[in-house]
């Protein structure tokens, strides 16, 4: 066998004449049992006639059976861990001669697992300042704000207003209508055209104006278009914020007062920052492992990784209302694969390394862990757990869930046994206030 520095291999295989004749007899018998020839009942035509009359069929079926069988036998004997389907070249097959061919194939990479315990990783226990708690409290206060109607007057910047909005030009199909749209004039999230054209308008008055949407706007019907709207002001509103006190805390959930709420918020922020910091640290662990293990990757693994990434991306686009079939037609697949090759190589290498570490440490997903994840998904999708399990077992999702759990447990092991060092200062990324803390309302 020819060896290279990649995962590609090549071998020459010879099948003796005796084996060819034996397999040919089986093939001829199988064809004879089904063949309909004048003057013969099925299965009674002589083998010589079948060989002559169905020469091409016999040859094709013989090759389809013998070549894979001969390759598998040699791969098993040599203990090759073959990935993908071999490419058969230089095939020589003539009557009365041995069958000879070359097989080009790939094997799973072989590598020595280096040190993975005691990795030096950046990590520091997160700190939460009182200002952080104050800011989160202010966000919660704003979510609890009430809007009170004011006496009719012209709108000014900073006002809240309830408007009726309708497109009158610029969109395809039925007009877009919203008879109860709340708007905050002057807010950074409010498009400038609304701020400019609604200031000075009083209740029951209307304004018509154009709004130009960016190409990457979230709604496909509006993205990249200049749309003409008619907006009618219905009411002017004033925002009234509740006072932050013990009563405010009790209204949010099972808190005895403001002190307990502040403690809960502090813990929530710390948990958020701890999760982010640990994820960053675990990502560094993966990068260090990949850098320390520069082994070759089979093309079959790379192709699968890139195709999975592209499939996920197309599904996300489909979820945003785009047609994945139309997108697929416009994609230069070879160019796209090449652009993702380096990142996909590192992803595959990381996956293989984490699998090897999990094997070495006997890390597995338990039935209870898989069941907990299934219960979460079933609750979210409002589907019975038994039905969800049956569907996931059939389409392979269940094994992917177990694999994800195993990977996370392996990363936790790497983090637990790492040597933590102070990270370089980075800006704190806050989670959206609407998601945390988890308080009932």
Protein backbone atom coordinates (compact mmCIF):
# COMPACT_ATOMS: atom_id res chain seq x y z
CA UNK A 1 0.00 0.00 0.00
CA UNK A 2 1.23 3.50 -0.83
CA UNK A 3 1.43 5.83 2.22
CA UNK A 4 1.28 9.63 2.13
CA UNK A 5 1.35 12.44 4.69
CA UNK A 6 -2.39 12.89 4.25
CA UNK A 7 -5.26 10.53 5.01
CA UNK A 8 -5.33 9.40 1.39
CA UNK A 9 -4.28 5.84 0.64
CA UNK A 10 -4.00 3.63 -2.41
CA UNK A 11 -3.86 -0.14 -2.69
CA UNK A 12 -3.80 -2.76 -5.45
CA UNK A 13 -6.12 -5.74 -5.15
CA UNK A 14 -6.20 -8.98 -7.12
CA UNK A 15 -9.11 -11.42 -7.06
CA UNK A 16 -8.09 -14.94 -8.19
CA UNK A 17 -9.73 -16.59 -11.19
CA UNK A 18 -11.23 -19.27 -8.93
CA UNK A 19 -13.02 -16.65 -6.86
CA UNK A 20 -14.25 -14.90 -9.99
CA UNK A 21 -15.70 -18.13 -11.38
CA UNK A 22 -17.39 -18.93 -8.10
CA UNK A 23 -18.98 -15.49 -7.85
CA UNK A 24 -19.92 -15.58 -11.56
CA UNK A 25 -21.82 -18.80 -10.99
CA UNK A 26 -23.83 -17.14 -8.19
CA UNK A 27 -24.61 -14.14 -10.38
CA UNK A 28 -25.64 -16.30 -13.36
CA UNK A 29 -27.89 -18.41 -11.12
CA UNK A 30 -29.56 -15.28 -9.77
CA UNK A 31 -30.21 -13.88 -13.24
CA UNK A 32 -31.42 -17.27 -14.54
CA UNK A 33 -34.02 -17.47 -11.76
CA UNK A 34 -35.61 -14.25 -12.99
CA UNK A 35 -34.89 -14.36 -16.75
CA UNK A 36 -37.72 -15.05 -19.20
CA UNK A 37 -36.35 -16.82 -22.29
CA UNK A 38 -38.43 -18.43 -25.05
CA UNK A 39 -38.65 -22.20 -24.61
CA UNK A 40 -37.41 -22.22 -21.02
CA UNK A 41 -39.18 -22.02 -17.71
CA UNK A 42 -37.71 -19.47 -15.20
CA UNK A 43 -34.55 -20.93 -13.67
CA UNK A 44 -34.23 -23.71 -16.28
CA UNK A 45 -32.21 -21.93 -18.98
CA UNK A 46 -28.62 -23.29 -19.24
CA UNK A 47 -25.89 -21.20 -17.61
CA UNK A 48 -24.02 -20.93 -20.93
CA UNK A 49 -27.05 -19.27 -22.53
CA UNK A 50 -27.44 -16.85 -19.61
CA UNK A 51 -23.75 -15.92 -19.84
CA UNK A 52 -24.10 -15.21 -23.54
CA UNK A 53 -27.49 -13.54 -23.58
CA UNK A 54 -26.88 -11.41 -20.43
CA UNK A 55 -23.15 -10.87 -20.78
CA UNK A 56 -23.19 -7.17 -19.82
CA UNK A 57 -25.60 -7.69 -16.94
CA UNK A 58 -23.47 -10.53 -15.57
CA UNK A 59 -20.31 -8.42 -15.82
CA UNK A 60 -21.89 -5.38 -14.16
CA UNK A 61 -23.50 -7.29 -11.31
CA UNK A 62 -20.31 -9.27 -10.74
CA UNK A 63 -18.22 -6.12 -10.44
CA UNK A 64 -20.77 -4.45 -8.16
CA UNK A 65 -20.53 -7.45 -5.84
CA UNK A 66 -16.89 -8.57 -6.06
CA UNK A 67 -15.07 -5.22 -6.00
CA UNK A 68 -16.56 -3.91 -2.69
CA UNK A 69 -16.28 -7.38 -1.14
CA UNK A 70 -12.60 -7.69 -2.09
CA UNK A 71 -11.85 -4.18 -0.82
CA UNK A 72 -13.64 -4.77 2.50
CA UNK A 73 -11.74 -8.04 2.98
CA UNK A 74 -8.40 -6.35 2.49
CA UNK A 75 -9.36 -3.36 4.64
CA UNK A 76 -10.39 -5.71 7.46
CA UNK A 77 -7.19 -7.74 7.12
CA UNK A 78 -5.02 -4.60 7.19
CA UNK A 79 -7.18 -3.00 9.93
CA UNK A 80 -7.70 0.17 7.92
CA UNK A 81 -10.25 2.55 9.41
CA UNK A 82 -11.71 3.57 6.04
CA UNK A 83 -13.88 6.67 5.76
CA UNK A 84 -16.04 7.48 2.77
CA UNK A 85 -16.35 5.40 -0.39
CA UNK A 86 -13.20 4.19 -2.21
CA UNK A 87 -12.55 5.29 -5.78
CA UNK A 88 -11.79 2.33 -8.04
CA UNK A 89 -9.28 2.95 -10.88
CA UNK A 90 -7.19 0.89 -13.33
CA UNK A 91 -9.74 -1.91 -13.46
CA UNK A 92 -8.61 -4.98 -15.45
CA UNK A 93 -11.26 -7.64 -15.95
CA UNK A 94 -10.94 -10.18 -18.76
CA UNK A 95 -12.29 -13.72 -19.22
CA UNK A 96 -10.05 -16.35 -17.70
CA UNK A 97 -7.85 -13.80 -15.88
CA UNK A 98 -7.74 -12.57 -12.29
CA UNK A 99 -9.62 -9.33 -11.55
CA UNK A 100 -7.18 -6.50 -10.78
CA UNK A 101 -7.91 -2.97 -9.67
CA UNK A 102 -6.57 -0.08 -7.62
CA UNK A 103 -8.58 1.55 -4.85
CA UNK A 104 -8.00 5.14 -3.74
CA UNK A 105 -9.48 5.81 -0.33
CA UNK A 106 -9.13 7.73 2.92
CA UNK A 107 -8.63 6.55 6.46
CA UNK A 108 -9.49 8.16 9.77
CA UNK A 109 -6.53 10.14 11.10
CA UNK A 110 -4.15 8.52 13.55
CA UNK A 111 -2.62 10.80 16.16
CA UNK A 112 -1.12 10.67 19.60
CA UNK A 113 -3.17 12.56 22.17
CA UNK A 114 -0.97 15.09 23.93
CA UNK A 115 -1.47 16.72 27.33
CA UNK A 116 -4.96 18.07 27.81
CA UNK A 117 -5.12 18.41 31.59
CA UNK A 118 -3.52 21.49 33.05
CA UNK A 119 -4.03 23.72 30.00
CA UNK A 120 -3.33 27.38 30.74
CA UNK A 121 -6.62 29.18 30.12
CA UNK A 122 -7.72 32.79 30.63
CA UNK A 123 -10.37 33.09 33.32
CA UNK A 124 -11.29 35.32 36.21
CA UNK A 125 -14.26 35.12 38.55
CA UNK A 126 -16.77 37.76 37.40
CA UNK A 127 -17.45 40.79 39.57
CA UNK A 128 -20.76 42.63 39.86
CA UNK A 129 -20.83 46.29 40.89
CA UNK A 130 -23.81 48.00 42.50
CA UNK A 131 -24.08 50.13 39.37
CA UNK A 132 -24.71 46.96 37.37
CA UNK A 133 -27.58 46.05 39.70
CA UNK A 134 -28.96 49.61 39.46
CA UNK A 135 -28.94 49.44 35.67
CA UNK A 136 -30.74 46.12 35.59
CA UNK A 137 -33.29 47.43 38.09
CA UNK A 138 -33.88 50.44 35.86
CA UNK A 139 -34.48 48.11 32.90
CA UNK A 140 -37.03 46.14 34.94
CA UNK A 141 -38.64 49.39 36.04
CA UNK A 142 -39.02 50.46 32.42
CA UNK A 143 -40.61 47.13 31.52
CA UNK A 144 -43.21 47.79 34.25
CA UNK A 145 -43.95 51.32 33.03
CA UNK A 146 -47.53 52.34 32.38
CA UNK A 147 -48.57 54.67 29.58
CA UNK A 148 -51.18 57.27 30.39
CA UNK A 149 -53.11 59.17 27.72
CA UNK A 150 -52.57 62.92 27.74
CA UNK A 151 -54.87 65.67 26.50
CA UNK A 152 -54.61 66.10 22.71
CA UNK A 153 -51.64 68.25 21.65
CA UNK A 154 -48.95 68.23 18.94
CA UNK A 155 -46.29 65.57 19.36
CA UNK A 156 -42.81 66.58 20.48
CA UNK A 157 -39.58 64.61 20.56
CA UNK A 158 -39.54 62.23 23.50
CA UNK A 159 -43.29 61.58 23.35
CA UNK A 160 -44.89 58.18 23.21
CA UNK A 161 -47.76 57.88 20.77
CA UNK A 162 -50.25 55.33 19.55
CA UNK A 163 -50.63 55.54 15.78
CA UNK A 164 -52.46 53.81 12.93
CA UNK A 165 -49.99 52.99 10.18
CA UNK A 166 -50.58 51.81 6.61
CA UNK A 167 -48.43 51.49 3.50
CA UNK A 168 -49.80 53.29 0.44
CA UNK A 169 -46.92 52.60 -1.99
CA UNK A 170 -43.65 50.71 -2.25
CA UNK A 171 -44.62 47.16 -1.20
CA UNK A 172 -45.89 44.25 -3.26
CA UNK A 173 -49.22 42.63 -2.56
CA UNK A 174 -51.61 43.63 0.20
CA UNK A 175 -50.79 46.85 2.11
CA UNK A 176 -49.16 46.54 5.52
CA UNK A 177 -51.52 47.82 8.23
CA UNK A 178 -51.16 48.29 11.97
CA UNK A 179 -53.96 50.14 13.75
CA UNK A 180 -52.32 50.11 17.18
CA UNK A 181 -48.61 50.76 16.77
CA UNK A 182 -46.78 52.28 19.73
CA UNK A 183 -43.91 54.61 18.89
CA UNK A 184 -41.35 56.56 20.91
CA UNK A 185 -40.26 59.69 19.10
CA UNK A 186 -36.53 60.38 19.35
CA UNK A 187 -35.66 56.86 20.48
CA UNK A 188 -32.54 55.46 18.74
CA UNK A 189 -34.56 52.41 17.67
CA UNK A 190 -37.16 54.57 15.91
CA UNK A 191 -36.41 55.14 12.23
CA UNK A 192 -35.41 58.79 11.59
CA UNK A 193 -38.19 59.35 9.03
CA UNK A 194 -40.83 58.68 11.70
CA UNK A 195 -39.19 61.12 14.11
CA UNK A 196 -38.93 63.83 11.45
CA UNK A 197 -42.48 63.53 10.10
CA UNK A 198 -44.56 62.91 13.23
CA UNK A 199 -43.26 65.75 15.40
CA UNK A 200 -45.91 68.48 15.39
CA UNK A 201 -48.80 66.14 14.46
CA UNK A 202 -51.81 66.10 16.80
CA UNK A 203 -54.29 63.26 17.47
CA UNK A 204 -56.67 62.58 14.53
CA UNK A 205 -54.19 64.23 12.14
CA UNK A 206 -52.28 62.28 9.49
CA UNK A 207 -48.97 62.55 7.68
CA UNK A 208 -47.70 60.82 4.54
CA UNK A 209 -43.97 60.26 4.13
CA UNK A 210 -41.37 57.94 2.60
CA UNK A 211 -39.18 55.56 4.60
CA UNK A 212 -36.09 54.00 3.01
CA UNK A 213 -35.21 50.66 4.60
CA UNK A 214 -31.70 49.19 4.63
CA UNK A 215 -31.02 46.11 2.50
CA UNK A 216 -30.46 43.97 5.60
CA UNK A 217 -33.74 44.98 7.28
CA UNK A 218 -35.40 42.07 9.09
CA UNK A 219 -38.69 42.09 7.14
CA UNK A 220 -38.20 40.90 3.57
CA UNK A 221 -41.19 42.91 2.24
CA UNK A 222 -39.52 46.11 3.42
CA UNK A 223 -35.78 45.45 3.10
CA UNK A 224 -34.04 47.63 0.53
CA UNK A 225 -37.26 49.44 -0.40
CA UNK A 226 -38.52 53.01 -0.21
CA UNK A 227 -42.03 52.73 1.23
CA UNK A 228 -44.69 55.42 1.48
CA UNK A 229 -46.68 55.39 4.71
CA UNK A 230 -49.78 57.15 5.98
CA UNK A 231 -49.59 57.58 9.76
CA UNK A 232 -52.55 58.79 11.81
CA UNK A 233 -51.92 59.82 15.40
CA UNK A 234 -54.50 58.33 17.77
CA UNK A 235 -53.28 59.36 21.24
CA UNK A 236 -50.38 61.08 22.96
CA UNK A 237 -49.03 59.09 25.90
CA UNK A 238 -46.94 59.77 28.96
CA UNK A 239 -44.67 57.12 30.45
CA UNK A 240 -45.13 56.63 34.20
CA UNK A 241 -42.44 54.57 35.92
CA UNK A 242 -43.19 52.70 39.14
CA UNK A 243 -41.17 53.59 42.21
CA UNK A 244 -38.39 51.09 42.95
CA UNK A 245 -39.20 49.92 46.47
CA UNK A 246 -40.24 46.81 48.42
CA UNK A 247 -43.68 46.79 46.78
CA UNK A 248 -42.07 46.91 43.34
CA UNK A 249 -39.93 43.89 44.29
CA UNK A 250 -42.91 41.89 45.57
CA UNK A 251 -44.83 42.63 42.36
CA UNK A 252 -42.00 41.06 40.34
CA UNK A 253 -42.07 37.72 42.11
CA UNK A 254 -41.59 35.86 45.37
CA UNK A 255 -39.30 38.43 46.97
CA UNK A 256 -39.64 39.73 50.52
CA UNK A 257 -38.48 43.15 49.47
CA UNK A 258 -36.02 45.25 47.48
CA UNK A 259 -32.93 43.80 49.21
CA UNK A 260 -33.81 40.26 48.17
CA UNK A 261 -34.58 41.40 44.62
CA UNK A 262 -31.21 43.14 44.40
CA UNK A 263 -29.50 39.95 45.62
CA UNK A 264 -31.33 37.93 42.96
CA UNK A 265 -30.35 40.39 40.24
CA UNK A 266 -26.73 40.37 41.45
CA UNK A 267 -26.67 36.56 41.31
CA UNK A 268 -28.27 36.54 37.88
CA UNK A 269 -25.72 38.98 36.45
CA UNK A 270 -22.87 37.01 38.00
CA UNK A 271 -24.20 33.77 36.49
CA UNK A 272 -24.49 35.41 33.05
CA UNK A 273 -20.96 36.73 33.18
CA UNK A 274 -19.64 33.46 34.55
CA UNK A 275 -21.24 31.57 31.68
CA UNK A 276 -19.76 33.94 29.08
CA UNK A 277 -16.30 33.82 30.71
CA UNK A 278 -16.32 30.04 30.92
CA UNK A 279 -17.42 29.68 27.31
CA UNK A 280 -14.58 31.96 26.21
CA UNK A 281 -12.15 29.94 28.31
CA UNK A 282 -13.40 26.64 26.86
CA UNK A 283 -13.04 28.04 23.35
CA UNK A 284 -9.41 28.87 24.16
CA UNK A 285 -8.97 25.27 25.32
CA UNK A 286 -10.21 24.01 21.95
CA UNK A 287 -7.88 26.39 20.10
CA UNK A 288 -4.88 25.26 22.15
CA UNK A 289 -5.67 21.58 21.57
CA UNK A 290 -6.09 22.08 17.82
CA UNK A 291 -2.85 24.07 17.58
CA UNK A 292 -1.00 21.32 19.45
CA UNK A 293 -2.33 18.49 17.23
CA UNK A 294 -1.73 19.34 13.55
CA UNK A 295 -2.81 15.99 12.08
CA UNK A 296 -4.28 15.47 8.61
CA UNK A 297 -8.04 15.43 8.05
CA UNK A 298 -9.87 13.24 5.48
CA UNK A 299 -11.51 15.15 2.65
CA UNK A 300 -14.71 13.21 3.37
CA UNK A 301 -14.86 14.70 6.90
CA UNK A 302 -14.18 18.20 5.57
CA UNK A 303 -16.88 17.94 2.89
CA UNK A 304 -19.42 16.74 5.46
CA UNK A 305 -18.53 19.55 7.89
CA UNK A 306 -18.81 22.25 5.24
CA UNK A 307 -22.06 20.83 3.85
CA UNK A 308 -23.57 20.72 7.35
CA UNK A 309 -22.58 24.36 7.92
CA UNK A 310 -24.11 25.43 4.61
CA UNK A 311 -27.28 23.43 5.29
CA UNK A 312 -27.68 25.14 8.67
CA UNK A 313 -27.18 28.52 7.04
CA UNK A 314 -29.78 27.79 4.37
CA UNK A 315 -32.27 26.64 7.01
CA UNK A 316 -31.72 29.88 8.94
CA UNK A 317 -32.32 31.88 5.75
CA UNK A 318 -35.46 29.86 5.06
CA UNK A 319 -36.62 30.72 8.58
CA UNK A 320 -36.27 34.39 7.64
CA UNK A 321 -38.56 33.94 4.65
CA UNK A 322 -35.91 33.46 1.96
CA UNK A 323 -36.18 30.68 -0.64
CA UNK A 324 -33.28 28.26 0.02
CA UNK A 325 -33.61 26.73 -3.47
CA UNK A 326 -33.11 30.10 -5.12
CA UNK A 327 -30.18 30.85 -2.82
CA UNK A 328 -28.61 27.47 -3.62
CA UNK A 329 -28.74 28.23 -7.35
CA UNK A 330 -26.71 31.41 -6.87
CA UNK A 331 -24.01 29.85 -4.69
CA UNK A 332 -20.60 28.99 -6.14
CA UNK A 333 -20.19 25.80 -4.12
CA UNK A 334 -16.52 25.20 -4.93
CA UNK A 335 -15.56 28.75 -4.04
CA UNK A 336 -17.66 28.60 -0.86
CA UNK A 337 -16.09 25.30 0.22
CA UNK A 338 -12.60 26.64 -0.37
CA UNK A 339 -13.34 29.78 1.66
CA UNK A 340 -14.48 27.63 4.60
CA UNK A 341 -11.81 25.00 4.30
CA UNK A 342 -9.46 26.30 6.99
CA UNK A 343 -12.21 26.85 9.57
CA UNK A 344 -13.79 23.48 8.77
CA UNK A 345 -10.42 21.75 9.18
CA UNK A 346 -10.05 23.17 12.67
CA UNK A 347 -13.66 22.27 13.54
CA UNK A 348 -13.20 18.65 12.47
CA UNK A 349 -9.88 18.37 14.27
CA UNK A 350 -11.46 19.79 17.42
CA UNK A 351 -14.33 17.30 17.21
CA UNK A 352 -11.95 14.34 16.83
CA UNK A 353 -9.80 15.54 19.73
CA UNK A 354 -12.77 15.98 22.05
CA UNK A 355 -14.02 12.50 21.12
CA UNK A 356 -10.61 11.02 21.92
CA UNK A 357 -10.48 12.83 25.27
CA UNK A 358 -14.01 11.69 26.09
CA UNK A 359 -12.99 8.11 25.34
CA UNK A 360 -9.87 8.43 27.49
CA UNK A 361 -11.86 9.88 30.40
CA UNK A 362 -14.90 7.59 29.94
CA UNK A 363 -17.18 10.59 29.49
CA UNK A 364 -20.69 9.69 28.32
CA UNK A 365 -24.17 11.19 28.21
CA UNK A 366 -26.39 9.45 30.75
CA UNK A 367 -29.99 8.47 30.04
CA UNK A 368 -31.16 11.00 32.65
CA UNK A 369 -29.23 13.81 30.93
CA UNK A 370 -30.72 12.94 27.54
CA UNK A 371 -34.20 12.68 29.08
CA UNK A 372 -33.87 16.12 30.67
CA UNK A 373 -32.95 17.64 27.32
CA UNK A 374 -35.85 15.85 25.64
CA UNK A 375 -38.26 17.20 28.26
CA UNK A 376 -37.04 20.75 27.62
CA UNK A 377 -37.51 20.38 23.86
CA UNK A 378 -40.90 18.68 24.25
CA UNK A 379 -42.12 21.51 26.46
CA UNK A 380 -40.87 24.14 24.03
CA UNK A 381 -42.40 22.41 21.00
CA UNK A 382 -45.55 21.36 22.88
CA UNK A 383 -45.17 17.75 21.84
CA UNK A 384 -45.47 14.55 23.94
CA UNK A 385 -42.06 13.30 25.07
CA UNK A 386 -42.71 9.77 23.76
CA UNK A 387 -43.61 11.04 20.28
CA UNK A 388 -40.60 13.36 20.25
CA UNK A 389 -38.26 10.54 21.29
CA UNK A 390 -39.58 8.26 18.55
CA UNK A 391 -39.09 10.98 15.93
CA UNK A 392 -35.59 11.84 17.17
CA UNK A 393 -34.53 8.20 17.26
CA UNK A 394 -35.66 7.81 13.65
CA UNK A 395 -33.94 10.90 12.22
CA UNK A 396 -30.74 10.66 14.31
CA UNK A 397 -31.41 13.73 16.44
CA UNK A 398 -31.30 11.69 19.65
CA UNK A 399 -27.72 10.59 19.02
CA UNK A 400 -26.77 14.17 18.18
CA UNK A 401 -28.25 15.33 21.49
CA UNK A 402 -26.23 12.70 23.35
CA UNK A 403 -23.13 13.74 21.40
CA UNK A 404 -23.65 17.39 22.30
CA UNK A 405 -24.04 16.53 25.99
CA UNK A 406 -20.87 14.42 25.86
CA UNK A 407 -18.95 17.28 24.24
CA UNK A 408 -20.12 19.78 26.86
CA UNK A 409 -19.11 17.43 29.68
CA UNK A 410 -15.69 16.99 28.08
CA UNK A 411 -15.23 20.76 27.83
CA UNK A 412 -16.25 21.09 31.48
CA UNK A 413 -13.56 18.54 32.37
CA UNK A 414 -10.93 20.52 30.46
CA UNK A 415 -12.00 23.71 32.21
CA UNK A 416 -12.05 22.14 35.68
CA UNK A 417 -8.51 20.79 35.31
CA UNK A 418 -7.06 23.88 33.62
CA UNK A 419 -4.63 26.38 35.12
CA UNK A 420 -6.53 29.66 35.11
CA UNK A 421 -4.70 32.90 34.39
CA UNK A 422 -6.02 36.46 34.36
CA UNK A 423 -7.47 37.31 30.93
CA UNK A 424 -6.72 40.49 29.05
CA UNK A 425 -9.32 43.17 29.80
CA UNK A 426 -12.32 43.02 27.47
CA UNK A 427 -15.60 44.96 27.41
CA UNK A 428 -18.39 43.34 29.41
CA UNK A 429 -21.18 41.99 27.19
CA UNK A 430 -24.53 42.37 28.92
CA UNK A 431 -27.36 39.92 28.27
CA UNK A 432 -30.66 41.56 27.22
CA UNK A 433 -32.63 42.74 30.22
CA UNK A 434 -35.72 41.03 28.85
CA UNK A 435 -34.07 37.66 29.41
CA UNK A 436 -32.68 38.07 32.94
CA UNK A 437 -33.08 37.89 35.79
CA UNK A 438 -35.64 35.11 35.71
CA UNK A 439 -38.39 36.71 37.76
CA UNK A 440 -42.11 36.12 37.45
CA UNK A 441 -44.39 39.01 36.65
